[in-house]
Amino acid sequence: MAAPAPRGAKTDRRASWFKGVLDLLVLASLTEGESYGYEIAKLLGAAGFGQIKGGTLYPVLNRLEEAGLVAAEFRATEKGPGRRYYSLTDAGRATLGEQGGLWLAFDASVREVLAKAGVR
C-alpha cells in the first residue's frame, strides 16, 4: 500500500475525473454513427484526453453493451483482424441526453464555485 501524499503535495486528479465521465464520452462519440474501439480512442485523444488504452476503454464498451446502451457487431476484414463495431441504441441516446444534461449542470456548479474562489 502506498504511503499517503504529504500535506500540500500536488495531486493530479484528472485521471479520476476522466474515469467518472468516460461512459458519457463514449456514448457521445457514437452519436455520429458506429465506430470501433481504436477509432473511439483516437477521437477522444484528439479532443484532448490523451492516449486512452484498451484496458480502460474496452471494459467501458462492454459495460455499456451489457446495459443495452450500445450494440456491438463483430465484422471480419479482408486484411488483419476483425473489428467489433459499436453503435448507440435508443436507450443509449436517451441516457446520453439525460446524463449529459446532469453533467453540464454539475460542470456549471463547479465553475461557479471555482469562479467565486477566484479560480479562472
PDB file of N, CA and C in Angstrom:
ATOM      1  N   MET A   1       0.836  -1.165   0.000  1.00  0.00           N
ATOM      2  CA  MET A   1       0.000   0.000   0.000  1.00  0.00           C
ATOM      3  C   MET A   1       0.888   1.239   0.000  1.00  0.00           C
ATOM      4  N   ALA A   2       0.545   2.194  -0.847  1.00  0.00           N
ATOM      5  CA  ALA A   2       1.345   3.399  -0.975  1.00  0.00           C
ATOM      6  C   ALA A   2       1.127   4.308   0.228  1.00  0.00           C
ATOM      7  N   ALA A   3       2.189   5.014   0.581  1.00  0.00           N
ATOM      8  CA  ALA A   3       2.090   5.974   1.684  1.00  0.00           C
ATOM      9  C   ALA A   3       1.253   7.159   1.230  1.00  0.00           C
ATOM     10  N   PRO A   4       0.502   7.762   2.159  1.00  0.00           N
ATOM     11  CA  PRO A   4      -0.303   8.924   1.775  1.00  0.00           C
ATOM     12  C   PRO A   4       0.605  10.074   1.346  1.00  0.00           C
ATOM     13  N   ALA A   5       0.102  10.894   0.433  1.00  0.00           N
ATOM     14  CA  ALA A   5       0.857  12.059  -0.024  1.00  0.00           C
ATOM     15  C   ALA A   5       0.998  13.048   1.119  1.00  0.00           C
ATOM     16  N   PRO A   6       2.166  13.672   1.221  1.00  0.00           N
ATOM     17  CA  PRO A   6       2.328  14.667   2.285  1.00  0.00           C
ATOM     18  C   PRO A   6       1.378  15.845   2.084  1.00  0.00           C
ATOM     19  N   ARG A   7       1.048  16.520   3.188  1.00  0.00           N
ATOM     20  CA  ARG A   7       0.161  17.691   3.096  1.00  0.00           C
ATOM     21  C   ARG A   7       0.766  18.698   2.130  1.00  0.00           C
ATOM     22  N   GLY A   8      -0.105  19.276   1.316  1.00  0.00           N
ATOM     23  CA  GLY A   8       0.358  20.288   0.377  1.00  0.00           C
ATOM     24  C   GLY A   8       0.925  19.715  -0.912  1.00  0.00           C
ATOM     25  N   ALA A   9       1.049  18.377  -0.993  1.00  0.00           N
ATOM     26  CA  ALA A   9       1.582  17.772  -2.210  1.00  0.00           C
ATOM     27  C   ALA A   9       0.583  17.952  -3.349  1.00  0.00           C
ATOM     28  N   LYS A  10       1.109  18.204  -4.519  1.00  0.00           N
ATOM     29  CA  LYS A  10       0.241  18.365  -5.679  1.00  0.00           C
ATOM     30  C   LYS A  10      -0.249  16.997  -6.139  1.00  0.00           C
ATOM     31  N   THR A  11      -1.553  16.879  -6.297  1.00  0.00           N
ATOM     32  CA  THR A  11      -2.153  15.637  -6.756  1.00  0.00           C
ATOM     33  C   THR A  11      -2.943  15.949  -8.017  1.00  0.00           C
ATOM     34  N   ASP A  12      -2.651  15.232  -9.081  1.00  0.00           N
ATOM     35  CA  ASP A  12      -3.367  15.422 -10.335  1.00  0.00           C
ATOM     36  C   ASP A  12      -4.541  14.462 -10.347  1.00  0.00           C
ATOM     37  N   ARG A  13      -5.737  14.987 -10.277  1.00  0.00           N
ATOM     38  CA  ARG A  13      -6.945  14.180 -10.193  1.00  0.00           C
ATOM     39  C   ARG A  13      -7.631  13.986 -11.540  1.00  0.00           C
ATOM     40  N   ARG A  14      -7.002  14.443 -12.612  1.00  0.00           N
ATOM     41  CA  ARG A  14      -7.659  14.346 -13.915  1.00  0.00           C
ATOM     42  C   ARG A  14      -7.997  12.921 -14.321  1.00  0.00           C
ATOM     43  N   ALA A  15      -7.165  11.955 -13.973  1.00  0.00           N
ATOM     44  CA  ALA A  15      -7.456  10.558 -14.328  1.00  0.00           C
ATOM     45  C   ALA A  15      -8.742  10.093 -13.644  1.00  0.00           C
ATOM     46  N   SER A  16      -8.933  10.487 -12.392  1.00  0.00           N
ATOM     47  CA  SER A  16     -10.164  10.124 -11.675  1.00  0.00           C
ATOM     48  C   SER A  16     -11.373  10.808 -12.299  1.00  0.00           C
ATOM     49  N   TRP A  17     -11.225  12.082 -12.654  1.00  0.00           N
ATOM     50  CA  TRP A  17     -12.330  12.809 -13.287  1.00  0.00           C
ATOM     51  C   TRP A  17     -12.689  12.152 -14.612  1.00  0.00           C
ATOM     52  N   PHE A  18     -11.663  11.779 -15.374  1.00  0.00           N
ATOM     53  CA  PHE A  18     -11.871  11.164 -16.684  1.00  0.00           C
ATOM     54  C   PHE A  18     -12.630   9.850 -16.557  1.00  0.00           C
ATOM     55  N   LYS A  19     -12.224   9.019 -15.618  1.00  0.00           N
ATOM     56  CA  LYS A  19     -12.917   7.739 -15.422  1.00  0.00           C
ATOM     57  C   LYS A  19     -14.377   7.955 -15.046  1.00  0.00           C
ATOM     58  N   GLY A  20     -14.647   9.045 -14.338  1.00  0.00           N
ATOM     59  CA  GLY A  20     -16.010   9.339 -13.928  1.00  0.00           C
ATOM     60  C   GLY A  20     -16.919   9.767 -15.065  1.00  0.00           C
ATOM     61  N   VAL A  21     -16.332  10.247 -16.149  1.00  0.00           N
ATOM     62  CA  VAL A  21     -17.136  10.755 -17.260  1.00  0.00           C
ATOM     63  C   VAL A  21     -16.927   9.949 -18.553  1.00  0.00           C
ATOM     64  N   LEU A  22     -16.086   8.930 -18.508  1.00  0.00           N
ATOM     65  CA  LEU A  22     -15.756   8.183 -19.723  1.00  0.00           C
ATOM     66  C   LEU A  22     -16.968   7.513 -20.357  1.00  0.00           C
ATOM     67  N   ASP A  23     -17.866   6.952 -19.575  1.00  0.00           N
ATOM     68  CA  ASP A  23     -19.066   6.337 -20.151  1.00  0.00           C
ATOM     69  C   ASP A  23     -19.823   7.351 -21.009  1.00  0.00           C
ATOM     70  N   LEU A  24     -19.988   8.537 -20.473  1.00  0.00           N
ATOM     71  CA  LEU A  24     -20.699   9.601 -21.172  1.00  0.00           C
ATOM     72  C   LEU A  24     -19.968  10.008 -22.450  1.00  0.00           C
ATOM     73  N   LEU A  25     -18.646  10.112 -22.378  1.00  0.00           N
ATOM     74  CA  LEU A  25     -17.856  10.481 -23.552  1.00  0.00           C
ATOM     75  C   LEU A  25     -17.943   9.420 -24.642  1.00  0.00           C
ATOM     76  N   VAL A  26     -17.940   8.156 -24.256  1.00  0.00           N
ATOM     77  CA  VAL A  26     -18.057   7.076 -25.240  1.00  0.00           C
ATOM     78  C   VAL A  26     -19.422   7.135 -25.919  1.00  0.00           C
ATOM     79  N   LEU A  27     -20.475   7.317 -25.135  1.00  0.00           N
ATOM     80  CA  LEU A  27     -21.805   7.443 -25.740  1.00  0.00           C
ATOM     81  C   LEU A  27     -21.836   8.629 -26.701  1.00  0.00           C
ATOM     82  N   ALA A  28     -21.276   9.762 -26.295  1.00  0.00           N
ATOM     83  CA  ALA A  28     -21.265  10.953 -27.135  1.00  0.00           C
ATOM     84  C   ALA A  28     -20.475  10.717 -28.417  1.00  0.00           C
ATOM     85  N   SER A  29     -19.420   9.914 -28.337  1.00  0.00           N
ATOM     86  CA  SER A  29     -18.587   9.664 -29.520  1.00  0.00           C
ATOM     87  C   SER A  29     -19.316   8.834 -30.573  1.00  0.00           C
ATOM     88  N   LEU A  30     -20.402   8.195 -30.188  1.00  0.00           N
ATOM     89  CA  LEU A  30     -21.150   7.342 -31.126  1.00  0.00           C
ATOM     90  C   LEU A  30     -22.378   8.033 -31.719  1.00  0.00           C
ATOM     91  N   THR A  31     -22.573   9.306 -31.425  1.00  0.00           N
ATOM     92  CA  THR A  31     -23.765   9.991 -31.939  1.00  0.00           C
ATOM     93  C   THR A  31     -23.727  10.198 -33.453  1.00  0.00           C
ATOM     94  N   GLU A  32     -22.540  10.235 -34.034  1.00  0.00           N
ATOM     95  CA  GLU A  32     -22.420  10.438 -35.488  1.00  0.00           C
ATOM     96  C   GLU A  32     -22.517   9.123 -36.257  1.00  0.00           C
ATOM     97  N   GLY A  33     -22.550   8.003 -35.554  1.00  0.00           N
ATOM     98  CA  GLY A  33     -22.637   6.708 -36.209  1.00  0.00           C
ATOM     99  C   GLY A  33     -21.730   5.700 -35.544  1.00  0.00           C
ATOM    100  N   GLU A  34     -21.749   4.502 -36.091  1.00  0.00           N
ATOM    101  CA  GLU A  34     -20.986   3.408 -35.477  1.00  0.00           C
ATOM    102  C   GLU A  34     -19.483   3.638 -35.586  1.00  0.00           C
ATOM    103  N   SER A  35     -18.770   2.991 -34.684  1.00  0.00           N
ATOM    104  CA  SER A  35     -17.324   3.093 -34.669  1.00  0.00           C
ATOM    105  C   SER A  35     -16.763   1.887 -33.929  1.00  0.00           C
ATOM    106  N   TYR A  36     -15.454   1.732 -33.977  1.00  0.00           N
ATOM    107  CA  TYR A  36     -14.796   0.649 -33.243  1.00  0.00           C
ATOM    108  C   TYR A  36     -13.840   1.256 -32.224  1.00  0.00           C
ATOM    109  N   GLY A  37     -13.390   0.434 -31.309  1.00  0.00           N
ATOM    110  CA  GLY A  37     -12.639   0.909 -30.155  1.00  0.00           C
ATOM    111  C   GLY A  37     -11.477   1.826 -30.462  1.00  0.00           C
ATOM    112  N   TYR A  38     -10.626   1.441 -31.404  1.00  0.00           N
ATOM    113  CA  TYR A  38      -9.449   2.245 -31.705  1.00  0.00           C
ATOM    114  C   TYR A  38      -9.850   3.631 -32.209  1.00  0.00           C
ATOM    115  N   GLU A  39     -10.887   3.699 -33.029  1.00  0.00           N
ATOM    116  CA  GLU A  39     -11.357   4.988 -33.552  1.00  0.00           C
ATOM    117  C   GLU A  39     -11.952   5.850 -32.434  1.00  0.00           C
ATOM    118  N   ILE A  40     -12.662   5.237 -31.514  1.00  0.00           N
ATOM    119  CA  ILE A  40     -13.214   5.975 -30.370  1.00  0.00           C
ATOM    120  C   ILE A  40     -12.060   6.545 -29.542  1.00  0.00           C
ATOM    121  N   ALA A  41     -11.045   5.739 -29.303  1.00  0.00           N
ATOM    122  CA  ALA A  41      -9.880   6.192 -28.538  1.00  0.00           C
ATOM    123  C   ALA A  41      -9.182   7.351 -29.246  1.00  0.00           C
ATOM    124  N   LYS A  42      -9.045   7.261 -30.565  1.00  0.00           N
ATOM    125  CA  LYS A  42      -8.417   8.343 -31.330  1.00  0.00           C
ATOM    126  C   LYS A  42      -9.239   9.622 -31.249  1.00  0.00           C
ATOM    127  N   LEU A  43     -10.552   9.504 -31.371  1.00  0.00           N
ATOM    128  CA  LEU A  43     -11.435  10.662 -31.299  1.00  0.00           C
ATOM    129  C   LEU A  43     -11.307  11.367 -29.947  1.00  0.00           C
ATOM    130  N   LEU A  44     -11.349  10.590 -28.881  1.00  0.00           N
ATOM    131  CA  LEU A  44     -11.246  11.168 -27.542  1.00  0.00           C
ATOM    132  C   LEU A  44      -9.847  11.730 -27.296  1.00  0.00           C
ATOM    133  N   GLY A  45      -8.837  11.061 -27.818  1.00  0.00           N
ATOM    134  CA  GLY A  45      -7.471  11.576 -27.709  1.00  0.00           C
ATOM    135  C   GLY A  45      -7.332  12.914 -28.408  1.00  0.00           C
ATOM    136  N   ALA A  46      -7.908  13.029 -29.609  1.00  0.00           N
ATOM    137  CA  ALA A  46      -7.851  14.279 -30.367  1.00  0.00           C
ATOM    138  C   ALA A  46      -8.632  15.395 -29.673  1.00  0.00           C
ATOM    139  N   ALA A  47      -9.600  15.025 -28.832  1.00  0.00           N
ATOM    140  CA  ALA A  47     -10.380  16.015 -28.091  1.00  0.00           C
ATOM    141  C   ALA A  47      -9.623  16.532 -26.869  1.00  0.00           C
ATOM    142  N   GLY A  48      -8.431  15.981 -26.627  1.00  0.00           N
ATOM    143  CA  GLY A  48      -7.606  16.475 -25.533  1.00  0.00           C
ATOM    144  C   GLY A  48      -7.502  15.570 -24.322  1.00  0.00           C
ATOM    145  N   PHE A  49      -8.013  14.349 -24.434  1.00  0.00           N
ATOM    146  CA  PHE A  49      -7.979  13.444 -23.292  1.00  0.00           C
ATOM    147  C   PHE A  49      -6.751  12.551 -23.254  1.00  0.00           C
ATOM    148  N   GLY A  50      -5.847  12.731 -24.181  1.00  0.00           N
ATOM    149  CA  GLY A  50      -4.625  11.934 -24.205  1.00  0.00           C
ATOM    150  C   GLY A  50      -4.871  10.537 -24.738  1.00  0.00           C
ATOM    151  N   GLN A  51      -3.844   9.712 -24.629  1.00  0.00           N
ATOM    152  CA  GLN A  51      -3.934   8.343 -25.132  1.00  0.00           C
ATOM    153  C   GLN A  51      -4.795   7.509 -24.187  1.00  0.00           C
ATOM    154  N   ILE A  52      -5.808   6.876 -24.760  1.00  0.00           N
ATOM    155  CA  ILE A  52      -6.696   6.027 -23.978  1.00  0.00           C
ATOM    156  C   ILE A  52      -6.365   4.582 -24.314  1.00  0.00           C
ATOM    157  N   LYS A  53      -5.973   3.838 -23.338  1.00  0.00           N
ATOM    158  CA  LYS A  53      -5.556   2.458 -23.560  1.00  0.00           C
ATOM    159  C   LYS A  53      -6.761   1.526 -23.598  1.00  0.00           C
ATOM    160  N   GLY A  54      -6.573   0.420 -24.305  1.00  0.00           N
ATOM    161  CA  GLY A  54      -7.641  -0.568 -24.429  1.00  0.00           C
ATOM    162  C   GLY A  54      -8.114  -1.095 -23.092  1.00  0.00           C
ATOM    163  N   GLY A  55      -7.208  -1.215 -22.140  1.00  0.00           N
ATOM    164  CA  GLY A  55      -7.570  -1.700 -20.812  1.00  0.00           C
ATOM    165  C   GLY A  55      -8.494  -0.754 -20.064  1.00  0.00           C
ATOM    166  N   THR A  56      -8.578   0.475 -20.523  1.00  0.00           N
ATOM    167  CA  THR A  56      -9.505   1.453 -19.965  1.00  0.00           C
ATOM    168  C   THR A  56     -10.789   1.495 -20.775  1.00  0.00           C
ATOM    169  N   LEU A  57     -10.651   1.515 -22.109  1.00  0.00           N
ATOM    170  CA  LEU A  57     -11.800   1.708 -22.990  1.00  0.00           C
ATOM    171  C   LEU A  57     -12.682   0.469 -23.133  1.00  0.00           C
ATOM    172  N   TYR A  58     -12.099  -0.692 -23.357  1.00  0.00           N
ATOM    173  CA  TYR A  58     -12.917  -1.868 -23.664  1.00  0.00           C
ATOM    174  C   TYR A  58     -13.814  -2.323 -22.512  1.00  0.00           C
ATOM    175  N   PRO A  59     -13.371  -2.231 -21.267  1.00  0.00           N
ATOM    176  CA  PRO A  59     -14.324  -2.551 -20.190  1.00  0.00           C
ATOM    177  C   PRO A  59     -15.531  -1.605 -20.182  1.00  0.00           C
ATOM    178  N   VAL A  60     -15.323  -0.339 -20.529  1.00  0.00           N
ATOM    179  CA  VAL A  60     -16.434   0.612 -20.612  1.00  0.00           C
ATOM    180  C   VAL A  60     -17.376   0.199 -21.726  1.00  0.00           C
ATOM    181  N   LEU A  61     -16.831  -0.111 -22.905  1.00  0.00           N
ATOM    182  CA  LEU A  61     -17.664  -0.541 -24.027  1.00  0.00           C
ATOM    183  C   LEU A  61     -18.449  -1.801 -23.672  1.00  0.00           C
ATOM    184  N   ASN A  62     -17.812  -2.744 -23.007  1.00  0.00           N
ATOM    185  CA  ASN A  62     -18.503  -3.975 -22.602  1.00  0.00           C
ATOM    186  C   ASN A  62     -19.624  -3.681 -21.606  1.00  0.00           C
ATOM    187  N   ARG A  63     -19.346  -2.801 -20.644  1.00  0.00           N
ATOM    188  CA  ARG A  63     -20.356  -2.437 -19.651  1.00  0.00           C
ATOM    189  C   ARG A  63     -21.546  -1.737 -20.312  1.00  0.00           C
ATOM    190  N   LEU A  64     -21.258  -0.836 -21.260  1.00  0.00           N
ATOM    191  CA  LEU A  64     -22.333  -0.140 -21.969  1.00  0.00           C
ATOM    192  C   LEU A  64     -23.151  -1.109 -22.818  1.00  0.00           C
ATOM    193  N   GLU A  65     -22.475  -2.091 -23.404  1.00  0.00           N
ATOM    194  CA  GLU A  65     -23.196  -3.099 -24.186  1.00  0.00           C
ATOM    195  C   GLU A  65     -24.097  -3.941 -23.282  1.00  0.00           C
ATOM    196  N   GLU A  66     -23.572  -4.385 -22.153  1.00  0.00           N
ATOM    197  CA  GLU A  66     -24.364  -5.195 -21.221  1.00  0.00           C
ATOM    198  C   GLU A  66     -25.573  -4.424 -20.701  1.00  0.00           C
ATOM    199  N   ALA A  67     -25.436  -3.099 -20.588  1.00  0.00           N
ATOM    200  CA  ALA A  67     -26.536  -2.265 -20.102  1.00  0.00           C
ATOM    201  C   ALA A  67     -27.532  -1.930 -21.215  1.00  0.00           C
ATOM    202  N   GLY A  68     -27.232  -2.352 -22.452  1.00  0.00           N
ATOM    203  CA  GLY A  68     -28.130  -2.080 -23.563  1.00  0.00           C
ATOM    204  C   GLY A  68     -28.031  -0.667 -24.114  1.00  0.00           C
ATOM    205  N   LEU A  69     -26.945   0.038 -23.773  1.00  0.00           N
ATOM    206  CA  LEU A  69     -26.777   1.413 -24.231  1.00  0.00           C
ATOM    207  C   LEU A  69     -26.046   1.496 -25.561  1.00  0.00           C
ATOM    208  N   VAL A  70     -25.272   0.473 -25.873  1.00  0.00           N
ATOM    209  CA  VAL A  70     -24.642   0.350 -27.184  1.00  0.00           C
ATOM    210  C   VAL A  70     -24.880  -1.066 -27.690  1.00  0.00           C
ATOM    211  N   ALA A  71     -24.910  -1.188 -28.998  1.00  0.00           N
ATOM    212  CA  ALA A  71     -24.982  -2.501 -29.634  1.00  0.00           C
ATOM    213  C   ALA A  71     -23.620  -2.762 -30.260  1.00  0.00           C
ATOM    214  N   ALA A  72     -23.213  -4.018 -30.315  1.00  0.00           N
ATOM    215  CA  ALA A  72     -21.914  -4.361 -30.876  1.00  0.00           C
ATOM    216  C   ALA A  72     -22.092  -5.438 -31.938  1.00  0.00           C
ATOM    217  N   GLU A  73     -21.270  -5.331 -32.965  1.00  0.00           N
ATOM    218  CA  GLU A  73     -21.293  -6.310 -34.042  1.00  0.00           C
ATOM    219  C   GLU A  73     -19.856  -6.563 -34.495  1.00  0.00           C
ATOM    220  N   PHE A  74     -19.466  -7.831 -34.518  1.00  0.00           N
ATOM    221  CA  PHE A  74     -18.130  -8.195 -34.985  1.00  0.00           C
ATOM    222  C   PHE A  74     -18.162  -8.331 -36.499  1.00  0.00           C
ATOM    223  N   ARG A  75     -17.163  -7.755 -37.148  1.00  0.00           N
ATOM    224  CA  ARG A  75     -17.053  -7.857 -38.604  1.00  0.00           C
ATOM    225  C   ARG A  75     -15.653  -8.292 -38.980  1.00  0.00           C
ATOM    226  N   ALA A  76     -15.598  -9.289 -39.848  1.00  0.00           N
ATOM    227  CA  ALA A  76     -14.318  -9.735 -40.374  1.00  0.00           C
ATOM    228  C   ALA A  76     -13.819  -8.706 -41.384  1.00  0.00           C
ATOM    229  N   THR A  77     -12.514  -8.623 -41.530  1.00  0.00           N
ATOM    230  CA  THR A  77     -11.920  -7.735 -42.519  1.00  0.00           C
ATOM    231  C   THR A  77     -11.100  -8.556 -43.494  1.00  0.00           C
ATOM    232  N   GLU A  78     -10.882  -7.998 -44.669  1.00  0.00           N
ATOM    233  CA  GLU A  78     -10.075  -8.716 -45.660  1.00  0.00           C
ATOM    234  C   GLU A  78      -8.628  -8.815 -45.230  1.00  0.00           C
ATOM    235  N   LYS A  79      -8.137  -7.767 -44.605  1.00  0.00           N
ATOM    236  CA  LYS A  79      -6.755  -7.748 -44.121  1.00  0.00           C
ATOM    237  C   LYS A  79      -6.765  -7.514 -42.624  1.00  0.00           C
ATOM    238  N   GLY A  80      -5.974  -8.256 -41.921  1.00  0.00           N
ATOM    239  CA  GLY A  80      -5.855  -8.051 -40.484  1.00  0.00           C
ATOM    240  C   GLY A  80      -7.012  -8.657 -39.707  1.00  0.00           C
ATOM    241  N   PRO A  81      -6.998  -8.404 -38.407  1.00  0.00           N
ATOM    242  CA  PRO A  81      -8.039  -8.980 -37.556  1.00  0.00           C
ATOM    243  C   PRO A  81      -9.381  -8.274 -37.758  1.00  0.00           C
ATOM    244  N   GLY A  82     -10.450  -8.961 -37.404  1.00  0.00           N
ATOM    245  CA  GLY A  82     -11.776  -8.364 -37.479  1.00  0.00           C
ATOM    246  C   GLY A  82     -11.923  -7.276 -36.425  1.00  0.00           C
ATOM    247  N   ARG A  83     -12.992  -6.544 -36.546  1.00  0.00           N
ATOM    248  CA  ARG A  83     -13.245  -5.457 -35.602  1.00  0.00           C
ATOM    249  C   ARG A  83     -14.650  -5.570 -35.042  1.00  0.00           C
ATOM    250  N   ARG A  84     -14.788  -5.099 -33.829  1.00  0.00           N
ATOM    251  CA  ARG A  84     -16.090  -5.036 -33.176  1.00  0.00           C
ATOM    252  C   ARG A  84     -16.576  -3.598 -33.292  1.00  0.00           C
ATOM    253  N   TYR A  85     -17.668  -3.409 -34.016  1.00  0.00           N
ATOM    254  CA  TYR A  85     -18.236  -2.080 -34.222  1.00  0.00           C
ATOM    255  C   TYR A  85     -19.337  -1.831 -33.204  1.00  0.00           C
ATOM    256  N   TYR A  86     -19.366  -0.621 -32.684  1.00  0.00           N
ATOM    257  CA  TYR A  86     -20.330  -0.231 -31.663  1.00  0.00           C
ATOM    258  C   TYR A  86     -21.240   0.864 -32.206  1.00  0.00           C
ATOM    259  N   SER A  87     -22.505   0.795 -31.836  1.00  0.00           N
ATOM    260  CA  SER A  87     -23.461   1.838 -32.217  1.00  0.00           C
ATOM    261  C   SER A  87     -24.339   2.153 -31.022  1.00  0.00           C
ATOM    262  N   LEU A  88     -24.825   3.366 -31.013  1.00  0.00           N
ATOM    263  CA  LEU A  88     -25.677   3.848 -29.939  1.00  0.00           C
ATOM    264  C   LEU A  88     -27.089   3.286 -30.110  1.00  0.00           C
ATOM    265  N   THR A  89     -27.647   2.747 -29.050  1.00  0.00           N
ATOM    266  CA  THR A  89     -29.034   2.279 -29.083  1.00  0.00           C
ATOM    267  C   THR A  89     -29.953   3.440 -28.694  1.00  0.00           C
ATOM    268  N   ASP A  90     -31.249   3.241 -28.836  1.00  0.00           N
ATOM    269  CA  ASP A  90     -32.199   4.269 -28.404  1.00  0.00           C
ATOM    270  C   ASP A  90     -32.040   4.543 -26.907  1.00  0.00           C
ATOM    271  N   ALA A  91     -31.838   3.478 -26.134  1.00  0.00           N
ATOM    272  CA  ALA A  91     -31.630   3.644 -24.687  1.00  0.00           C
ATOM    273  C   ALA A  91     -30.337   4.409 -24.421  1.00  0.00           C
ATOM    274  N   GLY A  92     -29.313   4.149 -25.209  1.00  0.00           N
ATOM    275  CA  GLY A  92     -28.049   4.869 -25.063  1.00  0.00           C
ATOM    276  C   GLY A  92     -28.199   6.340 -25.386  1.00  0.00           C
ATOM    277  N   ARG A  93     -28.962   6.635 -26.428  1.00  0.00           N
ATOM    278  CA  ARG A  93     -29.205   8.033 -26.815  1.00  0.00           C
ATOM    279  C   ARG A  93     -29.985   8.758 -25.703  1.00  0.00           C
ATOM    280  N   ALA A  94     -30.976   8.083 -25.129  1.00  0.00           N
ATOM    281  CA  ALA A  94     -31.747   8.676 -24.032  1.00  0.00           C
ATOM    282  C   ALA A  94     -30.868   8.898 -22.805  1.00  0.00           C
ATOM    283  N   THR A  95     -30.032   7.922 -22.492  1.00  0.00           N
ATOM    284  CA  THR A  95     -29.122   8.046 -21.351  1.00  0.00           C
ATOM    285  C   THR A  95     -28.133   9.178 -21.574  1.00  0.00           C
ATOM    286  N   LEU A  96     -27.625   9.295 -22.787  1.00  0.00           N
ATOM    287  CA  LEU A  96     -26.708  10.384 -23.105  1.00  0.00           C
ATOM    288  C   LEU A  96     -27.386  11.734 -22.885  1.00  0.00           C
ATOM    289  N   GLY A  97     -28.613  11.879 -23.345  1.00  0.00           N
ATOM    290  CA  GLY A  97     -29.325  13.136 -23.154  1.00  0.00           C
ATOM    291  C   GLY A  97     -29.534  13.456 -21.689  1.00  0.00           C
ATOM    292  N   GLU A  98     -29.968  12.456 -20.930  1.00  0.00           N
ATOM    293  CA  GLU A  98     -30.225  12.654 -19.506  1.00  0.00           C
ATOM    294  C   GLU A  98     -28.931  12.914 -18.730  1.00  0.00           C
ATOM    295  N   GLN A  99     -27.971  12.011 -18.861  1.00  0.00           N
ATOM    296  CA  GLN A  99     -26.724  12.129 -18.115  1.00  0.00           C
ATOM    297  C   GLN A  99     -25.874  13.297 -18.600  1.00  0.00           C
ATOM    298  N   GLY A 100     -25.959  13.589 -19.895  1.00  0.00           N
ATOM    299  CA  GLY A 100     -25.238  14.744 -20.420  1.00  0.00           C
ATOM    300  C   GLY A 100     -25.751  16.029 -19.805  1.00  0.00           C
ATOM    301  N   GLY A 101     -27.056  16.151 -19.676  1.00  0.00           N
ATOM    302  CA  GLY A 101     -27.640  17.323 -19.033  1.00  0.00           C
ATOM    303  C   GLY A 101     -27.228  17.438 -17.578  1.00  0.00           C
ATOM    304  N   LEU A 102     -27.209  16.305 -16.883  1.00  0.00           N
ATOM    305  CA  LEU A 102     -26.774  16.304 -15.483  1.00  0.00           C
ATOM    306  C   LEU A 102     -25.304  16.708 -15.368  1.00  0.00           C
ATOM    307  N   TRP A 103     -24.477  16.194 -16.290  1.00  0.00           N
ATOM    308  CA  TRP A 103     -23.051  16.545 -16.271  1.00  0.00           C
ATOM    309  C   TRP A 103     -22.869  18.048 -16.500  1.00  0.00           C
ATOM    310  N   LEU A 104     -23.592  18.618 -17.459  1.00  0.00           N
ATOM    311  CA  LEU A 104     -23.463  20.049 -17.742  1.00  0.00           C
ATOM    312  C   LEU A 104     -23.900  20.894 -16.550  1.00  0.00           C
ATOM    313  N   ALA A 105     -24.937  20.460 -15.844  1.00  0.00           N
ATOM    314  CA  ALA A 105     -25.367  21.177 -14.641  1.00  0.00           C
ATOM    315  C   ALA A 105     -24.296  21.070 -13.550  1.00  0.00           C
ATOM    316  N   PHE A 106     -23.713  19.902 -13.406  1.00  0.00           N
ATOM    317  CA  PHE A 106     -22.632  19.687 -12.435  1.00  0.00           C
ATOM    318  C   PHE A 106     -21.443  20.579 -12.773  1.00  0.00           C
ATOM    319  N   ASP A 107     -21.062  20.575 -14.060  1.00  0.00           N
ATOM    320  CA  ASP A 107     -19.950  21.389 -14.532  1.00  0.00           C
ATOM    321  C   ASP A 107     -20.201  22.875 -14.230  1.00  0.00           C
ATOM    322  N   ALA A 108     -21.418  23.350 -14.473  1.00  0.00           N
ATOM    323  CA  ALA A 108     -21.759  24.750 -14.215  1.00  0.00           C
ATOM    324  C   ALA A 108     -21.624  25.068 -12.728  1.00  0.00           C
ATOM    325  N   SER A 109     -22.055  24.151 -11.877  1.00  0.00           N
ATOM    326  CA  SER A 109     -21.941  24.359 -10.428  1.00  0.00           C
ATOM    327  C   SER A 109     -20.485  24.419  -9.996  1.00  0.00           C
ATOM    328  N   VAL A 110     -19.676  23.532 -10.519  1.00  0.00           N
ATOM    329  CA  VAL A 110     -18.245  23.530 -10.184  1.00  0.00           C
ATOM    330  C   VAL A 110     -17.610  24.841 -10.642  1.00  0.00           C
ATOM    331  N   ARG A 111     -17.903  25.252 -11.866  1.00  0.00           N
ATOM    332  CA  ARG A 111     -17.341  26.503 -12.388  1.00  0.00           C
ATOM    333  C   ARG A 111     -17.754  27.711 -11.542  1.00  0.00           C
ATOM    334  N   GLU A 112     -19.002  27.708 -11.095  1.00  0.00           N
ATOM    335  CA  GLU A 112     -19.486  28.824 -10.286  1.00  0.00           C
ATOM    336  C   GLU A 112     -18.731  28.906  -8.958  1.00  0.00           C
ATOM    337  N   VAL A 113     -18.573  27.780  -8.304  1.00  0.00           N
ATOM    338  CA  VAL A 113     -17.860  27.766  -7.020  1.00  0.00           C
ATOM    339  C   VAL A 113     -16.401  28.169  -7.214  1.00  0.00           C
ATOM    340  N   LEU A 114     -15.759  27.634  -8.249  1.00  0.00           N
ATOM    341  CA  LEU A 114     -14.355  27.970  -8.511  1.00  0.00           C
ATOM    342  C   LEU A 114     -14.202  29.443  -8.873  1.00  0.00           C
ATOM    343  N   ALA A 115     -15.116  29.984  -9.654  1.00  0.00           N
ATOM    344  CA  ALA A 115     -15.052  31.403 -10.030  1.00  0.00           C
ATOM    345  C   ALA A 115     -15.156  32.287  -8.786  1.00  0.00           C
ATOM    346  N   LYS A 116     -16.051  31.925  -7.857  1.00  0.00           N
ATOM    347  CA  LYS A 116     -16.201  32.698  -6.616  1.00  0.00           C
ATOM    348  C   LYS A 116     -14.920  32.647  -5.791  1.00  0.00           C
ATOM    349  N   ALA A 117     -14.149  31.557  -5.964  1.00  0.00           N
ATOM    350  CA  ALA A 117     -12.885  31.417  -5.239  1.00  0.00           C
ATOM    351  C   ALA A 117     -11.732  32.078  -5.986  1.00  0.00           C
ATOM    352  N   GLY A 118     -12.048  32.681  -7.128  1.00  0.00           N
ATOM    353  CA  GLY A 118     -11.017  33.376  -7.896  1.00  0.00           C
ATOM    354  C   GLY A 118     -10.251  32.485  -8.862  1.00  0.00           C
ATOM    355  N   VAL A 119     -10.713  31.260  -9.045  1.00  0.00           N
ATOM    356  CA  VAL A 119     -10.051  30.340  -9.981  1.00  0.00           C
ATOM    357  C   VAL A 119     -10.618  30.593 -11.366  1.00  0.00           C
ATOM    358  N   ARG A 120      -9.747  30.836 -12.307  1.00  0.00           N
ATOM    359  CA  ARG A 120     -10.186  31.092 -13.683  1.00  0.00           C
ATOM    360  C   ARG A 120      -9.515  30.154 -14.630  1.00  0.00           C
TER     361      ARG A 120
END
